N, C-alpha and C. Protein backbone atom coordinates (compact mmCIF):
# COMPACT_ATOMS: atom_id res chain seq x y z
N MET A 1 0.77 -1.28 0.11
CA MET A 1 -0.35 0.06 -0.06
C MET A 1 0.91 1.26 -0.14
N LYS A 2 1.67 1.86 0.50
CA LYS A 2 2.94 2.09 0.63
C LYS A 2 4.10 2.51 -0.77
N VAL A 3 4.03 1.49 -1.20
CA VAL A 3 3.89 1.56 -2.57
C VAL A 3 3.44 2.39 -3.67
N ALA A 4 1.98 1.49 -3.48
CA ALA A 4 0.97 1.78 -4.46
C ALA A 4 1.07 4.06 -3.99
N TYR A 5 1.07 4.39 -3.04
CA TYR A 5 0.65 5.37 -2.18
C TYR A 5 1.76 6.60 -3.17
N PHE A 6 2.88 5.85 -2.78
CA PHE A 6 4.22 6.59 -3.33
C PHE A 6 4.17 6.71 -4.73
N ASP A 7 3.38 5.90 -5.60
CA ASP A 7 3.37 5.55 -7.21
C ASP A 7 2.69 6.76 -7.22
N GLN A 8 1.24 7.73 -6.56
CA GLN A 8 0.04 8.05 -6.96
C GLN A 8 0.76 9.65 -6.61
N ALA A 9 1.67 9.48 -5.49
CA ALA A 9 2.34 10.79 -5.11
C ALA A 9 3.39 11.41 -6.27
N LEU A 10 3.96 10.45 -7.30
CA LEU A 10 5.25 10.40 -7.73
C LEU A 10 4.04 11.12 -9.59
N ARG A 11 3.18 10.86 -9.30
CA ARG A 11 2.48 10.97 -10.72
C ARG A 11 1.46 12.43 -11.00
N LYS A 12 1.84 13.02 -9.32
CA LYS A 12 1.16 14.68 -9.04
C LYS A 12 2.02 15.41 -9.62
N ASP A 13 1.12 16.70 -10.77
CA ASP A 13 2.16 17.88 -11.49
C ASP A 13 3.05 18.60 -9.69
N ALA A 14 3.49 19.28 -11.03
CA ALA A 14 4.94 20.03 -10.03
C ALA A 14 4.10 20.98 -9.23
N ASP A 15 3.22 21.57 -9.44
CA ASP A 15 2.53 21.95 -8.48
C ASP A 15 2.36 21.64 -6.91
N PHE A 16 1.82 20.46 -6.73
CA PHE A 16 1.70 19.97 -5.80
C PHE A 16 2.81 19.71 -5.23
N TYR A 17 4.10 20.21 -5.64
CA TYR A 17 5.79 19.55 -4.79
C TYR A 17 5.95 21.19 -3.96
N ASP A 18 5.27 22.06 -4.71
CA ASP A 18 5.83 23.61 -4.40
C ASP A 18 4.94 24.20 -3.14
N THR A 19 3.78 22.99 -2.58
CA THR A 19 3.25 23.28 -1.56
C THR A 19 3.16 22.69 -0.53
N GLN A 20 4.35 21.56 -1.06
CA GLN A 20 4.18 20.39 0.37
C GLN A 20 5.63 20.41 0.25
N ASN A 21 6.10 19.96 1.45
CA ASN A 21 7.32 19.66 2.03
C ASN A 21 8.25 18.95 1.71
N PRO A 22 8.90 18.37 0.83
CA PRO A 22 9.65 16.78 0.70
C PRO A 22 10.06 16.61 1.88
N ASN A 23 10.67 17.14 2.23
CA ASN A 23 10.94 16.36 3.99
C ASN A 23 10.27 15.40 4.88
N GLU A 24 8.36 16.06 4.94
CA GLU A 24 8.01 15.27 5.45
C GLU A 24 6.94 13.97 4.78
N MET A 25 7.51 13.88 3.55
CA MET A 25 6.20 13.09 2.84
C MET A 25 6.96 11.05 3.01
N ALA A 26 7.67 11.21 3.60
CA ALA A 26 7.81 9.43 4.47
C ALA A 26 6.62 9.54 5.43
N SER A 27 6.86 10.55 6.44
CA SER A 27 6.39 10.53 7.89
C SER A 27 4.81 10.41 6.86
N LYS A 28 4.35 11.46 6.20
CA LYS A 28 2.89 11.45 5.95
C LYS A 28 2.08 9.82 5.01
N ILE A 29 3.29 9.44 4.12
CA ILE A 29 3.25 8.07 4.11
C ILE A 29 2.32 7.34 5.21
N ALA A 30 3.67 7.24 6.04
CA ALA A 30 3.31 6.33 6.95
C ALA A 30 2.11 6.55 7.67
N LYS A 31 2.08 8.18 8.21
CA LYS A 31 0.25 8.55 8.62
C LYS A 31 -0.17 7.88 7.92
N GLU A 32 -0.85 7.92 6.79
CA GLU A 32 -1.63 7.86 6.17
C GLU A 32 -1.99 6.60 6.40
N VAL A 33 -1.45 6.07 5.94
CA VAL A 33 -1.04 3.69 5.33
C VAL A 33 -1.65 3.35 7.16
N SER A 34 -1.20 3.78 7.98
CA SER A 34 -1.74 3.77 9.77
C SER A 34 -2.96 3.79 9.60
N ALA A 35 -3.07 5.38 9.27
CA ALA A 35 -4.56 5.85 9.27
C ALA A 35 -5.66 4.59 8.75
N VAL A 36 -5.38 4.20 7.29
CA VAL A 36 -6.13 3.00 6.59
C VAL A 36 -6.07 1.79 7.23
N HIS A 37 -5.23 1.32 8.14
CA HIS A 37 -4.84 -0.07 8.68
C HIS A 37 -5.51 0.28 9.59
N ARG A 38 -5.90 1.16 10.27
CA ARG A 38 -6.66 1.22 11.71
C ARG A 38 -8.14 1.42 11.51
N GLY A 39 -8.44 1.82 10.16
CA GLY A 39 -9.95 2.09 10.13
C GLY A 39 -10.28 0.64 9.61
N THR A 40 -9.42 0.04 9.04
CA THR A 40 -10.01 -1.31 8.45
C THR A 40 -9.83 -2.65 8.10
N GLY A 41 -8.47 -2.47 8.97
CA GLY A 41 -7.69 -4.14 9.63
C GLY A 41 -8.62 -5.01 10.64
N GLU A 42 -9.22 -4.36 11.90
CA GLU A 42 -10.26 -4.98 12.69
C GLU A 42 -11.37 -5.16 11.94
N LYS A 43 -11.71 -4.32 11.17
CA LYS A 43 -13.60 -4.34 10.68
C LYS A 43 -13.40 -5.52 9.32
N ILE A 44 -12.62 -5.65 9.01
CA ILE A 44 -12.44 -7.04 7.70
C ILE A 44 -12.29 -8.33 8.46
N GLY A 45 -11.26 -8.09 9.59
CA GLY A 45 -11.46 -9.82 10.62
C GLY A 45 -13.11 -9.80 10.81
N ASN A 46 -13.39 -8.86 11.66
CA ASN A 46 -14.48 -9.16 12.39
C ASN A 46 -16.17 -9.80 11.80
N ILE A 47 -16.12 -9.23 10.17
CA ILE A 47 -17.12 -9.39 9.42
C ILE A 47 -16.38 -11.06 8.62
N MET A 48 -15.76 -11.05 8.79
CA MET A 48 -14.83 -12.45 8.09
C MET A 48 -15.23 -13.63 9.42
N MET A 49 -15.32 -13.25 10.90
CA MET A 49 -15.43 -14.22 11.37
C MET A 49 -16.98 -14.30 12.08
N SER A 50 -18.16 -13.06 11.59
CA SER A 50 -18.88 -13.13 12.36
C SER A 50 -20.04 -13.28 10.55
N ALA A 51 -19.11 -13.94 9.50
CA ALA A 51 -20.01 -14.18 8.52
C ALA A 51 -19.65 -16.22 8.63
N SER A 52 -18.70 -15.97 8.78
CA SER A 52 -18.43 -17.74 9.02
C SER A 52 -19.13 -18.60 10.25
N SER A 53 -19.26 -17.66 11.03
CA SER A 53 -19.71 -17.88 12.47
C SER A 53 -21.74 -18.53 12.48
N PHE A 54 -22.37 -17.72 11.74
CA PHE A 54 -23.25 -17.36 10.94
C PHE A 54 -23.59 -18.81 9.65
N ILE A 55 -22.89 -18.83 9.49
CA ILE A 55 -23.18 -19.79 8.25
C ILE A 55 -22.47 -21.29 8.78
N LEU A 56 -21.88 -21.59 9.54
CA LEU A 56 -21.34 -22.98 10.43
C LEU A 56 -22.18 -22.67 11.96
N GLY A 57 -22.80 -21.99 12.32
CA GLY A 57 -24.21 -22.09 13.53
C GLY A 57 -25.16 -22.90 12.27
N TYR A 58 -25.69 -22.42 11.77
CA TYR A 58 -26.50 -22.79 11.13
C TYR A 58 -26.02 -24.13 10.44
N ILE A 59 -25.21 -24.71 9.95
CA ILE A 59 -24.46 -25.94 9.59
C ILE A 59 -24.35 -27.33 10.44
N ALA A 60 -24.11 -25.93 11.86
CA ALA A 60 -23.96 -27.55 13.05
C ALA A 60 -25.55 -27.50 12.91
N ALA A 61 -26.01 -26.35 13.22
CA ALA A 61 -27.83 -26.45 14.44
C ALA A 61 -28.79 -27.63 12.82
N PHE A 62 -28.46 -27.55 11.59
CA PHE A 62 -29.15 -28.42 11.38
C PHE A 62 -28.37 -29.57 11.57
N THR A 63 -27.10 -29.75 11.55
CA THR A 63 -26.90 -31.36 11.53
C THR A 63 -27.48 -31.74 12.76
N PHE A 64 -27.52 -31.08 14.37
CA PHE A 64 -27.63 -31.76 15.40
C PHE A 64 -29.47 -31.64 15.66
N GLY A 65 -29.92 -30.66 15.22
CA GLY A 65 -31.06 -30.34 15.64
C GLY A 65 -32.18 -29.19 14.75
N TRP A 66 -32.20 -30.64 13.76
CA TRP A 66 -32.93 -29.21 12.47
C TRP A 66 -34.45 -28.83 12.87
N LYS A 67 -35.26 -29.53 14.32
CA LYS A 67 -36.40 -28.96 14.18
C LYS A 67 -36.51 -27.74 15.14
N LEU A 68 -35.33 -26.99 15.21
CA LEU A 68 -35.00 -26.32 16.55
C LEU A 68 -34.67 -24.97 15.16
N THR A 69 -33.81 -25.89 14.60
CA THR A 69 -33.05 -25.05 13.26
C THR A 69 -34.33 -24.28 12.51
N LEU A 70 -34.88 -25.13 12.04
CA LEU A 70 -36.30 -24.63 11.51
C LEU A 70 -37.31 -23.56 12.10
N ILE A 71 -37.34 -23.00 13.55
CA ILE A 71 -38.03 -22.73 13.96
C ILE A 71 -36.87 -21.02 14.75
N LEU A 72 -35.59 -21.17 14.39
CA LEU A 72 -34.65 -19.81 14.07
C LEU A 72 -34.79 -20.12 12.60
N LEU A 73 -35.32 -20.18 12.42
CA LEU A 73 -35.04 -19.86 10.85
C LEU A 73 -36.47 -18.95 10.59
N ALA A 74 -37.03 -18.95 11.35
CA ALA A 74 -38.44 -18.32 11.02
C ALA A 74 -38.42 -16.90 11.42
N GLY A 75 -37.03 -16.86 12.30
CA GLY A 75 -36.75 -15.26 13.00
C GLY A 75 -35.58 -14.72 11.98
N LEU A 76 -35.50 -15.49 11.07
CA LEU A 76 -34.13 -15.09 10.36
C LEU A 76 -34.58 -13.40 9.78
N PRO A 77 -35.54 -13.46 9.18
CA PRO A 77 -35.71 -12.08 8.64
C PRO A 77 -36.06 -10.70 9.17
N ALA A 78 -36.45 -11.08 10.43
CA ALA A 78 -36.30 -10.42 11.95
C ALA A 78 -34.88 -9.49 12.08
N VAL A 79 -33.90 -10.59 11.70
CA VAL A 79 -32.63 -10.36 12.34
C VAL A 79 -31.92 -9.58 11.39
N MET A 80 -32.20 -9.94 9.84
CA MET A 80 -31.70 -9.13 8.30
C MET A 80 -32.49 -8.15 8.52
N LEU A 81 -33.81 -7.60 8.94
CA LEU A 81 -34.43 -6.49 9.02
C LEU A 81 -33.48 -5.29 10.15
N SER A 82 -32.85 -6.12 11.14
CA SER A 82 -33.20 -5.40 12.02
C SER A 82 -31.28 -4.63 11.84
N GLY A 83 -30.32 -5.89 10.75
CA GLY A 83 -29.05 -5.45 10.50
C GLY A 83 -29.45 -4.30 9.53
N VAL A 84 -30.13 -4.33 8.86
CA VAL A 84 -30.15 -3.19 7.36
C VAL A 84 -30.26 -1.65 8.38
N ALA A 85 -31.15 -1.92 9.15
CA ALA A 85 -31.76 -0.73 9.61
C ALA A 85 -30.84 -0.49 10.81
N MET A 86 -30.03 -1.05 11.16
CA MET A 86 -28.49 -0.80 12.05
C MET A 86 -27.50 -0.99 11.09
N GLY A 87 -27.19 -0.89 10.03
CA GLY A 87 -26.13 -0.23 8.61
C GLY A 87 -26.53 0.64 8.46
N ALA A 88 -28.08 0.99 7.93
CA ALA A 88 -28.53 2.57 7.41
C ALA A 88 -28.21 3.31 8.63
N SER A 89 -28.27 3.20 10.22
CA SER A 89 -28.16 4.35 10.89
C SER A 89 -26.74 4.56 11.11
N PHE A 90 -26.35 3.69 10.76
CA PHE A 90 -24.28 4.10 10.92
C PHE A 90 -23.72 4.57 9.94
N GLU A 91 -24.64 4.16 8.72
CA GLU A 91 -24.17 4.79 7.50
C GLU A 91 -24.63 6.38 7.72
N THR A 92 -25.78 6.75 8.12
CA THR A 92 -26.22 7.80 8.28
C THR A 92 -25.49 9.08 9.43
N GLY A 93 -25.02 8.64 10.54
CA GLY A 93 -24.25 8.76 11.65
C GLY A 93 -22.75 9.02 10.54
N ALA A 94 -21.96 8.10 10.10
CA ALA A 94 -20.72 8.46 9.05
C ALA A 94 -21.32 10.65 8.73
N ILE A 95 -22.44 9.33 8.13
CA ILE A 95 -22.23 11.19 6.80
C ILE A 95 -22.16 12.42 8.01
N GLU A 96 -22.95 12.04 8.95
CA GLU A 96 -22.99 13.41 9.97
C GLU A 96 -22.20 13.88 10.10
N THR A 97 -21.03 12.86 10.37
CA THR A 97 -20.00 13.12 11.45
C THR A 97 -18.93 14.08 10.33
N MET A 98 -18.89 13.43 9.38
CA MET A 98 -17.84 13.93 8.26
C MET A 98 -18.58 14.95 7.56
N LYS A 99 -19.96 15.87 7.47
CA LYS A 99 -20.26 16.55 7.58
C LYS A 99 -20.01 17.81 8.16
N ALA A 100 -20.11 17.34 9.85
CA ALA A 100 -19.50 18.13 10.88
C ALA A 100 -18.08 18.44 10.69
N TYR A 101 -17.11 17.78 10.23
CA TYR A 101 -15.76 17.97 10.39
C TYR A 101 -15.53 18.93 8.96
N ALA A 102 -16.91 18.26 7.73
CA ALA A 102 -15.88 19.35 6.83
C ALA A 102 -16.18 21.00 6.91
């Protein structure tokens, strides 16, 4: 990621470097890559863990107690709707936060 960031920085016009301090380039790249890593690193792992737990949980449930699993599947639409509503509220909050910082 650092190499791609540096490649894009080299493609900038010369005017860009008139306003930027070249001595701060390495620290700026490291700081911004670190911010991206902090923002996505943990979330991707959590999404993968949640999805695999969900799928493997239903596989185990169908294997060991299929009658109870059918009852749980009846509540699946409510769980999905609440997840969509929660995602929409998080997105709205993120947009409002970005507007506040802008």
